[in-house]
C-alpha atoms as a PDB file:
ATOM      1  CA  UNK A   1     126.599  63.873  -5.537  1.00  0.00           C
ATOM      2  CA  UNK A   2     126.295  67.682  -5.503  1.00  0.00           C
ATOM      3  CA  UNK A   3     128.241  69.563  -2.868  1.00  0.00           C
ATOM      4  CA  UNK A   4     125.174  71.424  -1.588  1.00  0.00           C
ATOM      5  CA  UNK A   5     121.426  70.905  -1.803  1.00  0.00           C
ATOM      6  CA  UNK A   6     119.629  74.246  -1.531  1.00  0.00           C
ATOM      7  CA  UNK A   7     116.065  73.899  -0.232  1.00  0.00           C
ATOM      8  CA  UNK A   8     113.561  76.691  -0.945  1.00  0.00           C
ATOM      9  CA  UNK A   9     109.956  76.548   0.295  1.00  0.00           C
ATOM     10  CA  UNK A  10     107.787  78.700  -1.956  1.00  0.00           C
ATOM     11  CA  UNK A  11     104.345  80.004  -1.071  1.00  0.00           C
ATOM     12  CA  UNK A  12     102.992  82.961  -3.080  1.00  0.00           C
ATOM     13  CA  UNK A  13     106.488  84.330  -3.521  1.00  0.00           C
ATOM     14  CA  UNK A  14     106.208  85.723  -7.046  1.00  0.00           C
ATOM     15  CA  UNK A  15     107.275  89.248  -6.057  1.00  0.00           C
ATOM     16  CA  UNK A  16     110.814  88.339  -5.008  1.00  0.00           C
ATOM     17  CA  UNK A  17     111.266  84.784  -6.291  1.00  0.00           C
ATOM     18  CA  UNK A  18     113.255  85.674  -9.419  1.00  0.00           C
ATOM     19  CA  UNK A  19     115.768  87.712  -7.434  1.00  0.00           C
ATOM     20  CA  UNK A  20     116.158  84.821  -5.004  1.00  0.00           C
ATOM     21  CA  UNK A  21     116.677  82.206  -7.744  1.00  0.00           C
ATOM     22  CA  UNK A  22     119.083  84.427  -9.695  1.00  0.00           C
ATOM     23  CA  UNK A  23     121.276  84.806  -6.629  1.00  0.00           C
ATOM     24  CA  UNK A  24     121.419  81.039  -6.126  1.00  0.00           C
ATOM     25  CA  UNK A  25     121.921  79.991  -9.735  1.00  0.00           C
ATOM     26  CA  UNK A  26     124.772  82.502 -10.173  1.00  0.00           C
ATOM     27  CA  UNK A  27     126.821  81.032  -7.313  1.00  0.00           C
ATOM     28  CA  UNK A  28     130.557  80.615  -7.867  1.00  0.00           C
ATOM     29  CA  UNK A  29     130.025  77.070  -6.611  1.00  0.00           C
ATOM     30  CA  UNK A  30     128.095  75.540  -9.489  1.00  0.00           C
ATOM     31  CA  UNK A  31     127.943  71.994  -8.123  1.00  0.00           C
ATOM     32  CA  UNK A  32     124.605  72.451  -6.363  1.00  0.00           C
ATOM     33  CA  UNK A  33     121.054  71.230  -6.665  1.00  0.00           C
ATOM     34  CA  UNK A  34     118.135  73.563  -5.970  1.00  0.00           C
ATOM     35  CA  UNK A  35     115.011  71.898  -4.558  1.00  0.00           C
ATOM     36  CA  UNK A  36     111.983  74.200  -4.718  1.00  0.00           C
ATOM     37  CA  UNK A  37     108.830  73.136  -2.897  1.00  0.00           C
ATOM     38  CA  UNK A  38     105.753  74.861  -4.259  1.00  0.00           C
ATOM     39  CA  UNK A  39     103.603  74.833  -1.129  1.00  0.00           C
ATOM     40  CA  UNK A  40     100.207  75.328  -2.753  1.00  0.00           C
ATOM     41  CA  UNK A  41     100.908  78.785  -4.203  1.00  0.00           C
ATOM     42  CA  UNK A  42      97.929  80.579  -5.732  1.00  0.00           C
ATOM     43  CA  UNK A  43      99.968  83.233  -7.576  1.00  0.00           C
ATOM     44  CA  UNK A  44     102.482  82.794 -10.433  1.00  0.00           C
ATOM     45  CA  UNK A  45     105.193  81.211  -8.273  1.00  0.00           C
ATOM     46  CA  UNK A  46     104.901  77.799  -9.945  1.00  0.00           C
ATOM     47  CA  UNK A  47     105.047  79.380 -13.400  1.00  0.00           C
ATOM     48  CA  UNK A  48     108.252  81.199 -12.448  1.00  0.00           C
ATOM     49  CA  UNK A  49     109.783  78.003 -11.076  1.00  0.00           C
ATOM     50  CA  UNK A  50     108.964  76.128 -14.269  1.00  0.00           C
ATOM     51  CA  UNK A  51     110.472  78.902 -16.400  1.00  0.00           C
ATOM     52  CA  UNK A  52     113.702  78.730 -14.430  1.00  0.00           C
ATOM     53  CA  UNK A  53     113.757  74.941 -14.490  1.00  0.00           C
ATOM     54  CA  UNK A  54     113.565  75.028 -18.289  1.00  0.00           C
ATOM     55  CA  UNK A  55     116.714  77.168 -18.297  1.00  0.00           C
ATOM     56  CA  UNK A  56     118.637  75.355 -15.559  1.00  0.00           C
ATOM     57  CA  UNK A  57     118.239  71.651 -14.900  1.00  0.00           C
ATOM     58  CA  UNK A  58     119.764  71.971 -11.433  1.00  0.00           C
ATOM     59  CA  UNK A  59     116.308  73.071 -10.300  1.00  0.00           C
ATOM     60  CA  UNK A  60     113.944  70.402  -9.006  1.00  0.00           C
ATOM     61  CA  UNK A  61     110.299  71.218  -8.284  1.00  0.00           C
ATOM     62  CA  UNK A  62     108.107  69.487  -5.730  1.00  0.00           C
ATOM     63  CA  UNK A  63     104.411  70.391  -5.678  1.00  0.00           C
ATOM     64  CA  UNK A  64     102.226  69.948  -2.628  1.00  0.00           C
ATOM     65  CA  UNK A  65      99.081  71.419  -1.133  1.00  0.00           C
ATOM     66  CA  UNK A  66      99.660  74.230   1.347  1.00  0.00           C
ATOM     67  CA  UNK A  67     101.084  72.452   4.406  1.00  0.00           C
ATOM     68  CA  UNK A  68     103.632  74.923   5.738  1.00  0.00           C
ATOM     69  CA  UNK A  69     107.394  75.350   5.683  1.00  0.00           C
ATOM     70  CA  UNK A  70     108.233  72.521   8.087  1.00  0.00           C
ATOM     71  CA  UNK A  71     106.618  69.817   5.962  1.00  0.00           C
ATOM     72  CA  UNK A  72     108.004  71.409   2.802  1.00  0.00           C
ATOM     73  CA  UNK A  73     111.574  71.413   4.142  1.00  0.00           C
ATOM     74  CA  UNK A  74     111.351  67.881   5.523  1.00  0.00           C
ATOM     75  CA  UNK A  75     109.965  66.578   2.255  1.00  0.00           C
ATOM     76  CA  UNK A  76     112.717  68.264   0.260  1.00  0.00           C
ATOM     77  CA  UNK A  77     115.364  66.912   2.626  1.00  0.00           C
ATOM     78  CA  UNK A  78     114.185  63.368   1.902  1.00  0.00           C
ATOM     79  CA  UNK A  79     115.077  63.849  -1.781  1.00  0.00           C
ATOM     80  CA  UNK A  80     118.297  65.857  -1.262  1.00  0.00           C
ATOM     81  CA  UNK A  81     121.597  64.361  -2.406  1.00  0.00           C
ATOM     82  CA  UNK A  82     124.099  67.067  -1.470  1.00  0.00           C
ATOM     83  CA  UNK A  83     126.937  66.666   1.000  1.00  0.00           C
ATOM     84  CA  UNK A  84     125.554  69.725   2.781  1.00  0.00           C
ATOM     85  CA  UNK A  85     122.063  71.189   3.092  1.00  0.00           C
ATOM     86  CA  UNK A  86     121.301  74.897   2.773  1.00  0.00           C
ATOM     87  CA  UNK A  87     117.971  76.650   3.297  1.00  0.00           C
ATOM     88  CA  UNK A  88     116.867  79.870   1.612  1.00  0.00           C
ATOM     89  CA  UNK A  89     113.520  81.649   1.957  1.00  0.00           C
ATOM     90  CA  UNK A  90     112.024  82.679  -1.372  1.00  0.00           C
ATOM     91  CA  UNK A  91     112.030  86.415  -0.597  1.00  0.00           C
ATOM     92  CA  UNK A  92     115.708  86.532   0.463  1.00  0.00           C
ATOM     93  CA  UNK A  93     118.954  86.455  -1.485  1.00  0.00           C
ATOM     94  CA  UNK A  94     122.650  85.616  -1.148  1.00  0.00           C
ATOM     95  CA  UNK A  95     125.945  86.921  -2.618  1.00  0.00           C
ATOM     96  CA  UNK A  96     127.642  84.943  -5.391  1.00  0.00           C
ATOM     97  CA  UNK A  97     130.330  83.395  -3.207  1.00  0.00           C
ATOM     98  CA  UNK A  98     127.991  82.508  -0.328  1.00  0.00           C
ATOM     99  CA  UNK A  99     128.013  78.738  -0.638  1.00  0.00           C
ATOM    100  CA  UNK A 100     131.634  78.494  -1.770  1.00  0.00           C
ATOM    101  CA  UNK A 101     132.831  80.237   1.383  1.00  0.00           C
ATOM    102  CA  UNK A 102     130.576  78.272   3.726  1.00  0.00           C
ATOM    103  CA  UNK A 103     131.495  74.975   2.079  1.00  0.00           C
ATOM    104  CA  UNK A 104     135.235  75.649   2.136  1.00  0.00           C
ATOM    105  CA  UNK A 105     135.123  76.647   5.817  1.00  0.00           C
ATOM    106  CA  UNK A 106     133.171  73.524   6.756  1.00  0.00           C
ATOM    107  CA  UNK A 107     135.481  71.225   4.812  1.00  0.00           C
ATOM    108  CA  UNK A 108     138.665  72.866   6.079  1.00  0.00           C
ATOM    109  CA  UNK A 109     137.627  72.577   9.730  1.00  0.00           C
ATOM    110  CA  UNK A 110     135.654  69.307   9.460  1.00  0.00           C
ATOM    111  CA  UNK A 111     132.604  71.105  10.877  1.00  0.00           C
ATOM    112  CA  UNK A 112     129.054  69.793  10.733  1.00  0.00           C
ATOM    113  CA  UNK A 113     127.724  73.367  10.466  1.00  0.00           C
ATOM    114  CA  UNK A 114     129.115  76.565   8.930  1.00  0.00           C
ATOM    115  CA  UNK A 115     127.300  79.867   9.483  1.00  0.00           C
ATOM    116  CA  UNK A 116     127.765  83.489   8.497  1.00  0.00           C
ATOM    117  CA  UNK A 117     126.532  87.051   9.045  1.00  0.00           C
ATOM    118  CA  UNK A 118     122.936  88.201   8.621  1.00  0.00           C
ATOM    119  CA  UNK A 119     121.826  91.544   7.208  1.00  0.00           C
ATOM    120  CA  UNK A 120     118.139  92.429   7.430  1.00  0.00           C
ATOM    121  CA  UNK A 121     116.658  94.569   4.667  1.00  0.00           C
ATOM    122  CA  UNK A 122     113.515  96.623   5.159  1.00  0.00           C
ATOM    123  CA  UNK A 123     112.601  98.938   2.295  1.00  0.00           C
ATOM    124  CA  UNK A 124     115.767 101.048   1.990  1.00  0.00           C
ATOM    125  CA  UNK A 125     117.101 100.273   5.458  1.00  0.00           C
ATOM    126  CA  UNK A 126     119.703  97.630   6.215  1.00  0.00           C
ATOM    127  CA  UNK A 127     121.236  96.509   9.483  1.00  0.00           C
ATOM    128  CA  UNK A 128     123.413  93.695  10.760  1.00  0.00           C
ATOM    129  CA  UNK A 129     121.419  91.213  12.806  1.00  0.00           C
ATOM    130  CA  UNK A 130     124.484  89.007  13.238  1.00  0.00           C
ATOM    131  CA  UNK A 131     128.017  90.322  12.670  1.00  0.00           C
ATOM    132  CA  UNK A 132     130.756  87.773  13.236  1.00  0.00           C
ATOM    133  CA  UNK A 133     134.277  88.954  13.978  1.00  0.00           C
ATOM    134  CA  UNK A 134     136.407  86.020  12.888  1.00  0.00           C
ATOM    135  CA  UNK A 135     136.400  82.483  11.600  1.00  0.00           C
ATOM    136  CA  UNK A 136     136.422  80.199  14.597  1.00  0.00           C
ATOM    137  CA  UNK A 137     135.412  76.649  15.447  1.00  0.00           C
ATOM    138  CA  UNK A 138     133.086  76.114  18.408  1.00  0.00           C
ATOM    139  CA  UNK A 139     132.579  72.756  20.110  1.00  0.00           C
ATOM    140  CA  UNK A 140     130.647  73.252  23.347  1.00  0.00           C
ATOM    141  CA  UNK A 141     126.918  73.926  23.116  1.00  0.00           C
ATOM    142  CA  UNK A 142     126.968  77.178  25.168  1.00  0.00           C
ATOM    143  CA  UNK A 143     129.744  78.502  22.922  1.00  0.00           C
ATOM    144  CA  UNK A 144     127.851  77.529  19.762  1.00  0.00           C
ATOM    145  CA  UNK A 145     124.681  79.199  21.045  1.00  0.00           C
ATOM    146  CA  UNK A 146     126.592  82.347  21.944  1.00  0.00           C
ATOM    147  CA  UNK A 147     128.396  82.491  18.592  1.00  0.00           C
ATOM    148  CA  UNK A 148     125.105  82.466  16.671  1.00  0.00           C
ATOM    149  CA  UNK A 149     123.193  84.527  19.271  1.00  0.00           C
ATOM    150  CA  UNK A 150     120.736  81.815  20.299  1.00  0.00           C
ATOM    151  CA  UNK A 151     118.026  82.098  21.618  1.00  0.00           C
ATOM    152  CA  UNK A 152     117.581  85.628  20.251  1.00  0.00           C
ATOM    153  CA  UNK A 153     118.320  84.498  16.693  1.00  0.00           C
ATOM    154  CA  UNK A 154     117.046  81.062  15.699  1.00  0.00           C
ATOM    155  CA  UNK A 155     117.538  81.413  11.970  1.00  0.00           C
ATOM    156  CA  UNK A 156     118.467  78.441   9.810  1.00  0.00           C
ATOM    157  CA  UNK A 157     119.241  80.012   6.445  1.00  0.00           C
ATOM    158  CA  UNK A 158     122.610  81.656   7.219  1.00  0.00           C
ATOM    159  CA  UNK A 159     124.140  78.198   7.651  1.00  0.00           C
ATOM    160  CA  UNK A 160     124.872  74.938   5.870  1.00  0.00           C
ATOM    161  CA  UNK A 161     124.507  71.541   7.560  1.00  0.00           C
ATOM    162  CA  UNK A 162     126.241  68.278   6.780  1.00  0.00           C
ATOM    163  CA  UNK A 163     123.490  65.986   5.533  1.00  0.00           C
ATOM    164  CA  UNK A 164     124.794  62.713   6.990  1.00  0.00           C
ATOM    165  CA  UNK A 165     125.059  64.376  10.406  1.00  0.00           C
ATOM    166  CA  UNK A 166     121.388  65.427  10.219  1.00  0.00           C
ATOM    167  CA  UNK A 167     120.394  61.904   9.206  1.00  0.00           C
ATOM    168  CA  UNK A 168     122.433  60.328  11.989  1.00  0.00           C
ATOM    169  CA  UNK A 169     120.779  62.452  14.676  1.00  0.00           C
ATOM    170  CA  UNK A 170     117.299  62.439  13.066  1.00  0.00           C
ATOM    171  CA  UNK A 171     117.000  66.226  13.266  1.00  0.00           C
ATOM    172  CA  UNK A 172     113.964  67.459  11.349  1.00  0.00           C
ATOM    173  CA  UNK A 173     111.539  70.360  11.578  1.00  0.00           C
ATOM    174  CA  UNK A 174     108.543  69.916  13.916  1.00  0.00           C
ATOM    175  CA  UNK A 175     105.542  69.770  11.615  1.00  0.00           C
ATOM    176  CA  UNK A 176     102.140  71.384  11.934  1.00  0.00           C
ATOM    177  CA  UNK A 177     103.260  74.643  13.509  1.00  0.00           C
ATOM    178  CA  UNK A 178     104.832  78.002  12.739  1.00  0.00           C
ATOM    179  CA  UNK A 179     108.275  78.980  14.113  1.00  0.00           C
ATOM    180  CA  UNK A 180     109.552  75.478  13.435  1.00  0.00           C
ATOM    181  CA  UNK A 181     113.119  76.774  13.188  1.00  0.00           C
ATOM    182  CA  UNK A 182     113.414  77.601  16.921  1.00  0.00           C
ATOM    183  CA  UNK A 183     113.628  74.063  18.292  1.00  0.00           C
ATOM    184  CA  UNK A 184     115.480  72.880  15.178  1.00  0.00           C
ATOM    185  CA  UNK A 185     118.251  75.443  15.753  1.00  0.00           C
ATOM    186  CA  UNK A 186     118.616  74.497  19.403  1.00  0.00           C
ATOM    187  CA  UNK A 187     118.824  70.800  18.610  1.00  0.00           C
ATOM    188  CA  UNK A 188     121.168  70.952  15.653  1.00  0.00           C
ATOM    189  CA  UNK A 189     123.690  73.279  17.287  1.00  0.00           C
ATOM    190  CA  UNK A 190     123.650  71.131  20.405  1.00  0.00           C
ATOM    191  CA  UNK A 191     124.145  67.844  18.550  1.00  0.00           C
ATOM    192  CA  UNK A 192     126.869  68.903  16.128  1.00  0.00           C
ATOM    193  CA  UNK A 193     130.470  68.182  17.077  1.00  0.00           C
ATOM    194  CA  UNK A 194     131.799  71.390  15.517  1.00  0.00           C
ATOM    195  CA  UNK A 195     130.310  74.609  14.165  1.00  0.00           C
ATOM    196  CA  UNK A 196     132.429  77.184  12.358  1.00  0.00           C
ATOM    197  CA  UNK A 197     131.691  80.890  11.945  1.00  0.00           C
ATOM    198  CA  UNK A 198     132.392  82.463   8.539  1.00  0.00           C
ATOM    199  CA  UNK A 199     132.663  86.268   8.817  1.00  0.00           C
ATOM    200  CA  UNK A 200     133.369  87.135   5.175  1.00  0.00           C
ATOM    201  CA  UNK A 201     129.963  86.398   3.668  1.00  0.00           C
ATOM    202  CA  UNK A 202     126.384  87.285   4.525  1.00  0.00           C
ATOM    203  CA  UNK A 203     122.760  86.221   4.141  1.00  0.00           C
ATOM    204  CA  UNK A 204     120.313  88.971   3.136  1.00  0.00           C
ATOM    205  CA  UNK A 205     117.065  88.595   5.059  1.00  0.00           C
ATOM    206  CA  UNK A 206     114.185  90.607   3.650  1.00  0.00           C
ATOM    207  CA  UNK A 207     111.739  92.019   6.212  1.00  0.00           C
ATOM    208  CA  UNK A 208     108.663  91.061   4.214  1.00  0.00           C
ATOM    209  CA  UNK A 209     105.414  92.610   5.574  1.00  0.00           C
ATOM    210  CA  UNK A 210     103.607  89.407   4.552  1.00  0.00           C
ATOM    211  CA  UNK A 211     105.945  87.044   6.391  1.00  0.00           C
ATOM    212  CA  UNK A 212     104.938  84.795   9.305  1.00  0.00           C
ATOM    213  CA  UNK A 213     106.426  87.136  11.901  1.00  0.00           C
ATOM    214  CA  UNK A 214     104.918  90.276  10.393  1.00  0.00           C
ATOM    215  CA  UNK A 215     101.406  88.835  10.101  1.00  0.00           C
ATOM    216  CA  UNK A 216     101.116  87.738  13.714  1.00  0.00           C
ATOM    217  CA  UNK A 217      97.708  86.626  14.948  1.00  0.00           C
ATOM    218  CA  UNK A 218      96.441  84.778  18.005  1.00  0.00           C
ATOM    219  CA  UNK A 219      97.252  81.360  16.549  1.00  0.00           C
ATOM    220  CA  UNK A 220     100.775  82.312  15.572  1.00  0.00           C
ATOM    221  CA  UNK A 221     101.375  84.048  18.909  1.00  0.00           C
ATOM    222  CA  UNK A 222     100.343  80.872  20.705  1.00  0.00           C
ATOM    223  CA  UNK A 223     102.600  78.746  18.539  1.00  0.00           C
ATOM    224  CA  UNK A 224     105.514  81.134  19.069  1.00  0.00           C
ATOM    225  CA  UNK A 225     105.087  80.774  22.824  1.00  0.00           C
ATOM    226  CA  UNK A 226     104.916  76.985  22.451  1.00  0.00           C
ATOM    227  CA  UNK A 227     108.061  76.900  20.297  1.00  0.00           C
ATOM    228  CA  UNK A 228     109.987  78.991  22.820  1.00  0.00           C
ATOM    229  CA  UNK A 229     108.674  76.808  25.644  1.00  0.00           C
ATOM    230  CA  UNK A 230     109.815  73.662  23.825  1.00  0.00           C
ATOM    231  CA  UNK A 231     113.255  75.206  23.361  1.00  0.00           C
ATOM    232  CA  UNK A 232     113.514  76.030  27.076  1.00  0.00           C
ATOM    233  CA  UNK A 233     112.490  72.490  27.962  1.00  0.00           C
ATOM    234  CA  UNK A 234     115.139  71.125  25.615  1.00  0.00           C
ATOM    235  CA  UNK A 235     117.839  73.318  27.144  1.00  0.00           C
ATOM    236  CA  UNK A 236     116.838  72.370  30.684  1.00  0.00           C
ATOM    237  CA  UNK A 237     116.474  68.647  30.057  1.00  0.00           C
ATOM    238  CA  UNK A 238     119.830  68.509  28.247  1.00  0.00           C
ATOM    239  CA  UNK A 239     121.401  70.514  31.106  1.00  0.00           C
ATOM    240  CA  UNK A 240     122.821  73.100  28.724  1.00  0.00           C
ATOM    241  CA  UNK A 241     124.456  75.927  30.651  1.00  0.00           C
ATOM    242  CA  UNK A 242     122.672  78.973  29.244  1.00  0.00           C
ATOM    243  CA  UNK A 243     121.023  81.952  30.891  1.00  0.00           C
ATOM    244  CA  UNK A 244     117.331  81.021  30.868  1.00  0.00           C
ATOM    245  CA  UNK A 245     116.370  84.680  31.269  1.00  0.00           C
ATOM    246  CA  UNK A 246     117.383  85.222  27.640  1.00  0.00           C
ATOM    247  CA  UNK A 247     114.020  83.679  26.752  1.00  0.00           C
ATOM    248  CA  UNK A 248     110.735  85.604  27.000  1.00  0.00           C
ATOM    249  CA  UNK A 249     109.067  85.448  30.418  1.00  0.00           C
ATOM    250  CA  UNK A 250     105.935  83.350  30.878  1.00  0.00           C
ATOM    251  CA  UNK A 251     104.598  85.439  33.763  1.00  0.00           C
ATOM    252  CA  UNK A 252     105.176  88.702  35.626  1.00  0.00           C
ATOM    253  CA  UNK A 253     103.795  89.698  39.014  1.00  0.00           C
ATOM    254  CA  UNK A 254     103.787  93.123  40.652  1.00  0.00           C
ATOM    255  CA  UNK A 255     103.090  94.414  44.137  1.00  0.00           C
ATOM    256  CA  UNK A 256     102.310  98.143  44.316  1.00  0.00           C
ATOM    257  CA  UNK A 257     101.638 100.469  47.230  1.00  0.00           C
ATOM    258  CA  UNK A 258     100.005 103.837  46.482  1.00  0.00           C
ATOM    259  CA  UNK A 259     100.778 103.280  42.828  1.00  0.00           C
ATOM    260  CA  UNK A 260     104.466 102.664  43.484  1.00  0.00           C
ATOM    261  CA  UNK A 261     105.863  99.293  42.403  1.00  0.00           C
ATOM    262  CA  UNK A 262     107.533  97.668  45.397  1.00  0.00           C
ATOM    263  CA  UNK A 263     108.080  94.072  44.311  1.00  0.00           C
ATOM    264  CA  UNK A 264     108.255  92.516  40.853  1.00  0.00           C
ATOM    265  CA  UNK A 265     108.634  88.837  40.052  1.00  0.00           C
ATOM    266  CA  UNK A 266     109.674  87.686  36.560  1.00  0.00           C
ATOM    267  CA  UNK A 267     109.086  84.032  35.845  1.00  0.00           C
ATOM    268  CA  UNK A 268     110.364  81.602  33.234  1.00  0.00           C
ATOM    269  CA  UNK A 269     109.730  77.856  33.023  1.00  0.00           C
ATOM    270  CA  UNK A 270     112.595  77.003  35.340  1.00  0.00           C
ATOM    271  CA  UNK A 271     113.660  80.354  36.735  1.00  0.00           C
ATOM    272  CA  UNK A 272     112.248  83.148  38.921  1.00  0.00           C
ATOM    273  CA  UNK A 273     113.815  86.557  39.528  1.00  0.00           C
ATOM    274  CA  UNK A 274     112.692  88.846  42.339  1.00  0.00           C
ATOM    275  CA  UNK A 275     113.107  92.636  42.218  1.00  0.00           C
ATOM    276  CA  UNK A 276     112.738  95.184  45.025  1.00  0.00           C
ATOM    277  CA  UNK A 277     112.255  98.752  43.824  1.00  0.00           C
ATOM    278  CA  UNK A 278     113.552  97.647  40.411  1.00  0.00           C
ATOM    279  CA  UNK A 279     116.737  96.076  41.770  1.00  0.00           C
ATOM    280  CA  UNK A 280     117.211  92.312  41.479  1.00  0.00           C
ATOM    281  CA  UNK A 281     117.634  90.913  44.970  1.00  0.00           C
ATOM    282  CA  UNK A 282     117.149  87.188  44.472  1.00  0.00           C
ATOM    283  CA  UNK A 283     116.707  84.498  41.848  1.00  0.00           C
ATOM    284  CA  UNK A 284     115.700  80.883  42.072  1.00  0.00           C
ATOM    285  CA  UNK A 285     116.341  78.268  39.416  1.00  0.00           C
ATOM    286  CA  UNK A 286     114.977  74.749  39.427  1.00  0.00           C
ATOM    287  CA  UNK A 287     117.968  72.406  39.862  1.00  0.00           C
ATOM    288  CA  UNK A 288     118.984  70.036  37.094  1.00  0.00           C
ATOM    289  CA  UNK A 289     117.970  66.481  37.927  1.00  0.00           C
END
């Protein structure tokens, strides 16, 4: 059994795919399997995967028609054999000791999840999206959410997940929609007994202009709203103590007199905040039942 199964959905990723694969295959932890799901690519992605597979038998290729990342990841998970699962997007990359450090932290602390820093890369600009200060184990759901900056950041690829824990709790990606990682992240951090932060490694997230987020349309915008709504429902129904106003509002109302805003109401699924002349004067949250 490999220590880690790395799952990579690939759809028309030829531009950055080699850099991604090189970073994974050069890991200091060599006991890994790399499951690449060719999700109906129409460019040379499959050719690149086959070339790399011929050089390194740790690579497994699954071909399917274009069905999206959720189905691709779930299908790969069903074949995975590693003690832990890691996810990498085909236009991103990781440092050589990435999986060794995450694995060692998880094993040392008996954590179901180990997660690290995130650096976003856009052309020649880089910035920390998540910068952890120290290695620490978190056990309550609010603390785990805060440590990984949920709900602002719902990313899955800067973490590894114990496979038997995922199987036990039946945590999979919701299929047939974009932004499948939002609900997944909420559920898996809530269900895990322990999550450990690992501050001395990082995941490099490329701001690809052709990515899901950067090619937003009406369909994707609607699915983003639905994914965020599902996450809020999950938080509320599980009675997780988190500030609901961290999520995007679903409605805003204004009362103006002579062009001057007097009253503003910001509304979430289970929360309303009332402002008078821009100052919050009252809020009302639906009680947990």
